[in-house]
Amino acid sequence: MGWNMIETEKITINLGVIDLGQIDLLVGEGFYSNRTDFIRTAIRNQVAAHADVVKQTVARRTLTLGLQHFTRADLEAARDVGQKLDIKVLGLAIIASDVSPELAREAIASLRVLGALQASPAVKAALADRTL
């Protein structure tokens, strides 16, 4: 199972009526199962068209590509050795639900997520000033 099957984010877009009508026409003709299928396919095609730029940027920015999960034990281990993490993820970053806001602040120096961050509201609030 790919990481994108683990978590999805809902987005809202505004489309002109002509674009929407053309999508509905293609759906009606059986090219796509529904509007969402069309939009996901269009997005994947655009991302694929820019795959080289994405790869170069991931390497240059030293981003983790995909899913990165931080457990309470991971953060406690970093804190215990005096290390603060600089988290950079393109995809999904998960901070376990049993991580306290205090532990998150003690163990995480900075947080940059291009995609989605899954963490408790309290941990997100505690890291707000460290989120790039």
Protein backbone atom coordinates (compact mmCIF):
# COMPACT_ATOMS: atom_id res chain seq x y z
CA MET A 1 0.00 0.00 0.00
CA GLY A 2 1.40 3.42 -0.94
CA TRP A 3 1.60 6.24 1.57
CA ASN A 4 -1.09 8.17 -0.31
CA MET A 5 -3.55 5.40 0.51
CA ILE A 6 -2.94 5.91 4.24
CA GLU A 7 -4.09 9.48 4.47
CA THR A 8 -5.88 11.85 2.15
CA GLU A 9 -6.57 15.53 2.52
CA LYS A 10 -9.72 17.15 1.27
CA ILE A 11 -9.26 20.27 -0.83
CA THR A 12 -11.74 22.64 -2.40
CA ILE A 13 -11.24 24.16 -5.84
CA ASN A 14 -13.23 26.63 -7.86
CA LEU A 15 -13.70 25.86 -11.54
CA GLY A 16 -15.32 27.83 -14.29
CA VAL A 17 -18.57 26.45 -15.64
CA ILE A 18 -17.04 25.63 -19.03
CA ASP A 19 -14.19 23.64 -17.47
CA LEU A 20 -16.66 21.84 -15.22
CA GLY A 21 -18.93 21.13 -18.18
CA GLN A 22 -16.04 19.64 -20.13
CA ILE A 23 -15.14 17.42 -17.17
CA ASP A 24 -18.76 16.28 -16.92
CA LEU A 25 -18.77 15.54 -20.66
CA LEU A 26 -15.67 13.33 -20.32
CA VAL A 27 -17.19 11.58 -17.31
CA GLY A 28 -20.43 11.08 -19.25
CA GLU A 29 -18.51 9.59 -22.17
CA GLY A 30 -16.87 7.06 -19.84
CA PHE A 31 -13.31 8.39 -19.89
CA TYR A 32 -13.43 8.88 -16.11
CA SER A 33 -15.64 7.36 -13.44
CA ASN A 34 -16.44 10.74 -11.84
CA ARG A 35 -15.15 14.30 -11.40
CA THR A 36 -12.76 13.27 -8.65
CA ASP A 37 -11.23 10.60 -10.87
CA PHE A 38 -10.63 13.22 -13.58
CA ILE A 39 -9.10 15.75 -11.18
CA ARG A 40 -6.83 13.17 -9.50
CA THR A 41 -5.66 11.96 -12.92
CA ALA A 42 -4.97 15.53 -14.06
CA ILE A 43 -2.99 16.26 -10.90
CA ARG A 44 -0.97 13.05 -11.19
CA ASN A 45 -0.18 13.85 -14.84
CA GLN A 46 1.06 17.32 -13.90
CA VAL A 47 3.16 15.99 -11.03
CA ALA A 48 4.62 13.34 -13.36
CA ALA A 49 5.41 16.02 -15.94
CA HIS A 50 7.46 17.83 -13.29
CA ALA A 51 8.97 14.70 -11.69
CA ASP A 52 12.56 15.79 -12.31
CA VAL A 53 12.01 19.12 -10.57
CA VAL A 54 10.36 17.34 -7.62
CA LYS A 55 13.28 14.87 -7.32
CA GLN A 56 15.89 17.63 -7.51
CA THR A 57 14.08 19.78 -4.96
CA VAL A 58 13.61 16.85 -2.56
CA ALA A 59 17.34 16.12 -2.74
CA ARG A 60 18.37 19.79 -2.45
CA ARG A 61 16.13 20.46 0.54
CA THR A 62 16.90 17.06 2.10
CA LEU A 63 13.22 16.25 2.39
CA THR A 64 11.91 12.83 3.37
CA LEU A 65 9.64 11.68 0.57
CA GLY A 66 6.54 9.75 1.61
CA LEU A 67 5.57 8.94 5.17
CA GLN A 68 7.56 9.79 8.27
CA HIS A 69 6.22 8.68 11.65
CA PHE A 70 7.55 9.94 14.97
CA THR A 71 6.72 7.92 18.07
CA ARG A 72 7.00 9.12 21.63
CA ALA A 73 10.06 6.84 22.00
CA ASP A 74 11.71 8.49 18.94
CA LEU A 75 11.26 11.96 20.39
CA GLU A 76 12.30 10.90 23.90
CA ALA A 77 15.48 9.34 22.48
CA ALA A 78 16.34 12.56 20.62
CA ARG A 79 15.63 14.66 23.71
CA ASP A 80 17.63 12.35 25.97
CA VAL A 81 20.79 12.75 23.86
CA GLY A 82 20.27 16.50 23.56
CA GLN A 83 19.36 16.38 19.88
CA LYS A 84 16.64 18.53 18.36
CA LEU A 85 15.14 17.29 15.12
CA ASP A 86 14.75 19.33 11.96
CA ILE A 87 11.83 17.53 10.32
CA LYS A 88 11.36 18.02 6.57
CA VAL A 89 8.74 15.89 4.84
CA LEU A 90 7.13 15.90 1.42
CA GLY A 91 4.08 13.73 1.98
CA LEU A 92 2.74 12.82 5.40
CA ALA A 93 4.37 13.48 8.77
CA ILE A 94 2.77 11.79 11.76
CA ILE A 95 3.55 12.68 15.35
CA ALA A 96 2.08 9.96 17.57
CA SER A 97 -0.99 10.82 19.59
CA ASP A 98 0.77 10.05 22.90
CA VAL A 99 3.41 12.77 22.30
CA SER A 100 2.90 15.66 24.70
CA PRO A 101 3.28 19.28 23.57
CA GLU A 102 6.21 19.60 26.00
CA LEU A 103 8.04 16.61 24.50
CA ALA A 104 7.42 17.91 20.98
CA ARG A 105 8.98 21.28 21.89
CA GLU A 106 11.92 19.60 23.63
CA ALA A 107 12.70 17.31 20.67
CA ILE A 108 11.72 19.25 17.53
CA ALA A 109 13.69 22.31 16.43
CA SER A 110 11.83 22.88 13.16
CA LEU A 111 9.05 21.34 11.14
CA ARG A 112 8.42 21.71 7.41
CA VAL A 113 5.72 19.55 5.86
CA LEU A 114 4.73 19.80 2.23
CA GLY A 115 1.59 17.71 2.27
CA ALA A 116 -0.06 16.85 5.55
CA LEU A 117 0.83 16.82 9.22
CA GLN A 118 -1.03 14.47 11.52
CA ALA A 119 -0.61 15.43 15.17
CA SER A 120 -2.81 16.39 18.07
CA PRO A 121 -4.09 19.98 18.05
CA ALA A 122 -2.04 20.65 21.19
CA VAL A 123 1.20 19.44 19.56
CA LYS A 124 0.46 21.46 16.41
CA ALA A 125 -0.09 24.55 18.55
CA ALA A 126 3.11 23.89 20.54
CA LEU A 127 5.11 23.69 17.30
CA ALA A 128 3.42 26.61 15.53
CA ASP A 129 6.42 28.91 15.99
CA ARG A 130 8.75 26.19 14.64
CA THR A 131 6.71 25.37 11.56
CA LEU A 132 8.30 26.64 8.39
